[in-house]
Every structure is written in C-alpha cells, then in structure tokens.
Amino acid sequence: MATATDVPSANLQALIRAAAGGDHAAFAQIYQRTHVHLFGVAVRMLGQGQAAEDVLQEAYVSIWKNAGSYRSEVGGQPIQPMTWLIAIVRNKALDALRVRARRPESAWNDTTELAGSDGDGSDAPPGAASALAPAPSAMHLLEQATQALRIEGCMNALDGSYRQSLALAYYQGLSHSEVAAQMGAPLGSVKAWIRRGLERLKSCLSAQGVGA
C-alpha cells in the first residue's frame, strides 16, 4: 500500500485546492492519504496516546479551514503539500507541548497509560510508538473535526468574558487563579464566567445536535 510520501505532490495539491472550495470528499481523501504519516509526526513529538490524537484532530480542522491559504510556491521556492501539512501538525504539537509544560506532570500520566506501556517511551526508536496502536479511523476523525468546528462556532457566539475565560482555561491550560490574573478580574467572577460559559456552550451544542 502506498504511503503518504508516495502520493504524487500534484495529486495532493489538487485535493487541497478542492478542499479549499468546500469539497468534503477531497478532504476525506487528504486524510486517507496522509493521516498515518502525520499521526507519526504527532507521536514522535508527543508520545503515543490521547495528546497525539488530539493534535491530529486539531491539525485536520486547521487544514480544512486553511486549505485556501496553501501556496505551491513562495518567493520562488516550491512548497510541497506534505511539507505544508507536516508544518501544521508540528505547530499544533508545539502548542500542546507548551500547554503540557504549564501543567503538573501528574496531569499527563494518562497519556502514558493510554499507550499501554510501563514508561514514557523515551528510549524507543523514532516511529516505534506509532506501531503500538493505529491512527484514529477516518470516520472518527472527521466526526471529531466537525464537532470541533461547531464548538468553535459556539465559542465565538459567547459574550467576551465568558469566551476569554473559557479559552484561557481550556485552550491554554491555565488554572482559575491564572485566568483571574491574566484577565485582571476577581477569582470568584472568573469561576462564575467559566461555569456560565460552559452552560451556554452546552446549550448551543445541544441545539446543534452535538452530544454533551
């Protein structure tokens, strides 16, 4: 079976252009042809487990939303489509690593548990972790990507303080106290904003038929 690196660049370029025009079938083909390779990139940076799957999901949401920004040539230098895709995954993984660095180590123990290993896999050769478990299925990832876009839409509909406090707490991994310091607001107000924001987010998603 052909790997992602075996896919002719021209084919991927055509699929990315089609996805930029809203072609869901083309987007599904992009996923089918590249997800194994891109999942490997995420695993090498984050280790096997939920963190790598989350990054892959976020990357494909970004690919779908930003397909129109892909350029095959910048400043006279050719940009291969796989290079562009890998850069998106790497950027998402770096964001995840920055969030991880802010959290206590115990908060990430479930990542290694999900890997089904006794350690963090740091001694394993590159790519070995990806052989322990398959990448998420195309249907599962596309469903997650669709839900992520709906969540983003509901987030954007929230009032400013609700949206900002939720974004700081759940997207940047800040504690309630850190959110309060970042926003220059009382801790009690921040806790109330987060609680009410989550309630409104849940109501918005329920109205769209997305399970809580």
Protein backbone atom coordinates (compact mmCIF):
# COMPACT_ATOMS: atom_id res chain seq x y z
CA MET A 1 0.00 0.00 0.00
CA ALA A 2 1.31 3.44 -0.86
CA THR A 3 2.39 5.67 2.00
CA ALA A 4 1.77 9.38 2.30
CA THR A 5 5.22 10.13 0.93
CA ASP A 6 4.40 8.04 -2.16
CA VAL A 7 1.42 10.24 -3.07
CA PRO A 8 2.32 12.47 -6.03
CA SER A 9 2.51 16.11 -4.95
CA ALA A 10 0.30 17.17 -7.83
CA ASN A 11 -2.47 14.91 -6.55
CA LEU A 12 -2.30 16.36 -3.06
CA GLN A 13 -2.21 19.89 -4.44
CA ALA A 14 -5.37 19.21 -6.43
CA LEU A 15 -7.08 17.73 -3.39
CA ILE A 16 -6.12 20.70 -1.21
CA ARG A 17 -7.47 23.10 -3.84
CA ALA A 18 -10.72 21.12 -3.97
CA ALA A 19 -10.97 21.11 -0.16
CA ALA A 20 -10.48 24.87 -0.18
CA GLY A 21 -13.63 25.02 -2.30
CA GLY A 22 -15.59 23.07 0.30
CA ASP A 23 -15.22 19.59 -1.23
CA HIS A 24 -15.66 17.18 1.70
CA ALA A 25 -14.79 14.15 -0.43
CA ALA A 26 -11.45 15.73 -1.33
CA PHE A 27 -10.78 16.46 2.33
CA ALA A 28 -11.54 12.83 3.19
CA GLN A 29 -9.01 11.73 0.56
CA ILE A 30 -6.39 14.08 2.01
CA TYR A 31 -6.95 12.43 5.37
CA GLN A 32 -6.87 8.92 3.92
CA ARG A 33 -3.57 9.54 2.11
CA THR A 34 -1.74 11.42 4.85
CA HIS A 35 -3.08 10.51 8.31
CA VAL A 36 -0.64 7.66 9.02
CA HIS A 37 2.38 9.82 8.27
CA LEU A 38 1.02 12.87 10.12
CA PHE A 39 0.00 10.76 13.11
CA GLY A 40 3.59 9.51 13.23
CA VAL A 41 4.81 13.12 13.36
CA ALA A 42 2.49 13.83 16.29
CA VAL A 43 3.52 10.64 18.10
CA ARG A 44 7.23 11.38 17.73
CA MET A 45 6.71 14.81 19.30
CA LEU A 46 4.14 13.94 22.00
CA GLY A 47 4.24 10.18 22.53
CA GLN A 48 1.50 7.66 21.89
CA GLY A 49 -1.86 8.49 23.45
CA GLN A 50 -4.68 11.00 23.56
CA ALA A 51 -2.40 14.02 23.18
CA ALA A 52 -1.22 12.87 19.74
CA GLU A 53 -4.78 12.08 18.65
CA ASP A 54 -5.99 15.50 19.83
CA VAL A 55 -3.21 17.23 17.90
CA LEU A 56 -4.04 15.25 14.77
CA GLN A 57 -7.70 16.25 15.08
CA GLU A 58 -6.80 19.93 15.56
CA ALA A 59 -4.41 19.76 12.61
CA TYR A 60 -7.06 18.44 10.23
CA VAL A 61 -9.56 21.06 11.40
CA SER A 62 -6.89 23.67 10.59
CA ILE A 63 -6.16 22.02 7.22
CA TRP A 64 -9.86 22.13 6.31
CA LYS A 65 -10.24 25.76 7.38
CA ASN A 66 -6.99 27.00 5.83
CA ALA A 67 -6.73 24.91 2.66
CA GLY A 68 -7.20 28.08 0.64
CA SER A 69 -4.01 29.55 2.11
CA TYR A 70 -1.77 26.80 0.71
CA ARG A 71 0.61 28.02 -1.97
CA SER A 72 2.75 25.65 -4.01
CA GLU A 73 5.43 28.32 -4.33
CA VAL A 74 6.51 31.14 -2.03
CA GLY A 75 9.20 33.63 -3.02
CA GLY A 76 10.20 31.45 -5.94
CA GLN A 77 10.72 28.44 -3.67
CA PRO A 78 8.47 25.39 -4.15
CA ILE A 79 6.46 24.30 -1.11
CA GLN A 80 5.48 20.63 -1.22
CA PRO A 81 1.98 19.91 0.10
CA MET A 82 3.28 17.34 2.60
CA THR A 83 5.71 19.95 3.93
CA TRP A 84 2.77 22.29 4.50
CA LEU A 85 0.71 19.57 6.19
CA ILE A 86 3.59 18.49 8.43
CA ALA A 87 4.20 22.11 9.45
CA ILE A 88 0.60 22.38 10.64
CA VAL A 89 0.92 19.21 12.73
CA ARG A 90 4.24 20.34 14.19
CA ASN A 91 2.82 23.75 15.13
CA LYS A 92 -0.17 22.13 16.85
CA ALA A 93 2.16 19.71 18.66
CA LEU A 94 4.39 22.56 19.82
CA ASP A 95 1.31 24.34 21.18
CA ALA A 96 0.39 21.16 23.07
CA LEU A 97 3.92 20.88 24.47
CA ARG A 98 3.76 24.47 25.72
CA VAL A 99 0.47 23.70 27.49
CA ARG A 100 1.95 20.49 28.91
CA ALA A 101 4.90 22.43 30.33
CA ARG A 102 2.48 24.62 32.29
CA ARG A 103 0.70 21.69 33.94
CA PRO A 104 1.81 19.37 36.74
CA GLU A 105 3.39 16.16 35.47
CA SER A 106 0.63 14.10 37.13
CA ALA A 107 -1.95 15.68 34.84
CA TRP A 108 -0.32 13.94 31.88
CA ASN A 109 0.06 10.47 33.40
CA ASP A 110 -2.96 9.26 31.45
CA THR A 111 -1.02 9.79 28.22
CA THR A 112 1.44 7.02 29.00
CA GLU A 113 -1.30 4.84 30.45
CA LEU A 114 -3.19 5.09 27.17
CA ALA A 115 -0.06 3.91 25.42
CA GLY A 116 -0.21 0.67 27.38
CA SER A 117 3.46 0.91 28.32
CA ASP A 118 5.42 0.93 31.58
CA GLY A 119 7.37 4.08 30.76
CA ASP A 120 7.31 7.21 28.70
CA GLY A 121 8.76 5.54 25.62
CA SER A 122 11.70 7.93 25.53
CA ASP A 123 14.10 5.06 24.82
CA ALA A 124 12.07 3.74 21.89
CA PRO A 125 13.35 4.41 18.38
CA PRO A 126 11.57 7.12 16.36
CA GLY A 127 8.31 5.85 14.94
CA ALA A 128 8.17 2.80 17.24
CA ALA A 129 5.30 4.23 19.30
CA SER A 130 3.12 4.63 16.22
CA ALA A 131 3.30 0.87 15.71
CA LEU A 132 1.72 0.23 19.11
CA ALA A 133 -1.71 1.47 18.07
CA PRO A 134 -3.34 2.56 14.83
CA ALA A 135 -4.16 6.13 13.98
CA PRO A 136 -7.78 7.15 14.56
CA SER A 137 -10.18 6.00 11.84
CA ALA A 138 -11.16 8.43 9.08
CA MET A 139 -14.81 8.47 10.16
CA HIS A 140 -13.91 9.04 13.80
CA LEU A 141 -11.54 11.89 13.00
CA LEU A 142 -13.94 13.57 10.56
CA GLU A 143 -16.70 13.40 13.16
CA GLN A 144 -14.38 14.94 15.73
CA ALA A 145 -13.31 17.66 13.30
CA THR A 146 -16.93 18.52 12.54
CA GLN A 147 -17.71 18.74 16.24
CA ALA A 148 -14.62 20.88 16.85
CA LEU A 149 -15.81 23.38 14.22
CA ARG A 150 -19.24 23.51 15.88
CA ILE A 151 -17.62 24.10 19.26
CA GLU A 152 -15.60 26.95 17.77
CA GLY A 153 -18.77 28.49 16.36
CA CYS A 154 -20.50 28.27 19.74
CA MET A 155 -17.41 29.71 21.46
CA ASN A 156 -17.45 32.69 19.11
CA ALA A 157 -21.11 33.30 19.99
CA LEU A 158 -20.34 33.67 23.71
CA ASP A 159 -20.05 37.04 25.42
CA GLY A 160 -16.50 38.37 25.70
CA SER A 161 -15.68 37.48 29.32
CA TYR A 162 -17.21 34.01 29.01
CA ARG A 163 -15.31 33.31 25.81
CA GLN A 164 -11.99 34.67 27.07
CA SER A 165 -12.11 32.83 30.41
CA LEU A 166 -13.01 29.52 28.75
CA ALA A 167 -10.30 29.94 26.12
CA LEU A 168 -7.64 30.64 28.75
CA ALA A 169 -8.76 27.77 30.96
CA TYR A 170 -9.31 25.05 28.38
CA TYR A 171 -7.28 26.03 25.31
CA GLN A 172 -4.21 27.40 27.12
CA GLY A 173 -4.46 25.16 30.20
CA LEU A 174 -4.44 27.94 32.81
CA SER A 175 -5.80 27.40 36.32
CA HIS A 176 -8.70 29.55 37.56
CA SER A 177 -6.24 31.68 39.54
CA GLU A 178 -4.03 32.15 36.48
CA VAL A 179 -7.07 33.09 34.38
CA ALA A 180 -8.05 35.67 37.01
CA ALA A 181 -4.53 37.15 36.97
CA GLN A 182 -4.44 37.18 33.17
CA MET A 183 -7.82 38.93 32.92
CA GLY A 184 -7.28 41.19 35.92
CA ALA A 185 -10.58 40.03 37.40
CA PRO A 186 -11.66 38.64 40.80
CA LEU A 187 -11.31 34.86 41.15
CA GLY A 188 -15.00 34.50 42.03
CA SER A 189 -16.03 36.30 38.85
CA VAL A 190 -13.76 34.11 36.73
CA LYS A 191 -15.22 30.92 38.24
CA ALA A 192 -18.73 32.22 37.55
CA TRP A 193 -17.84 33.14 33.96
CA ILE A 194 -16.37 29.71 33.30
CA ARG A 195 -19.37 27.93 34.83
CA ARG A 196 -21.94 30.02 32.95
CA GLY A 197 -19.90 29.92 29.78
CA LEU A 198 -19.85 26.12 29.90
CA GLU A 199 -23.63 26.09 30.43
CA ARG A 200 -24.19 28.32 27.41
CA LEU A 201 -21.72 26.33 25.35
CA LYS A 202 -23.57 23.12 26.22
CA SER A 203 -26.92 24.70 25.28
CA CYS A 204 -25.54 25.91 21.95
CA LEU A 205 -24.12 22.48 21.12
CA SER A 206 -27.34 20.73 22.17
CA ALA A 207 -29.28 22.99 19.80
CA GLN A 208 -26.99 21.77 17.00
CA GLY A 209 -27.50 18.14 17.96
CA VAL A 210 -23.99 17.69 19.38
CA GLY A 211 -23.81 15.43 22.41
CA ALA A 212 -22.51 16.96 25.60
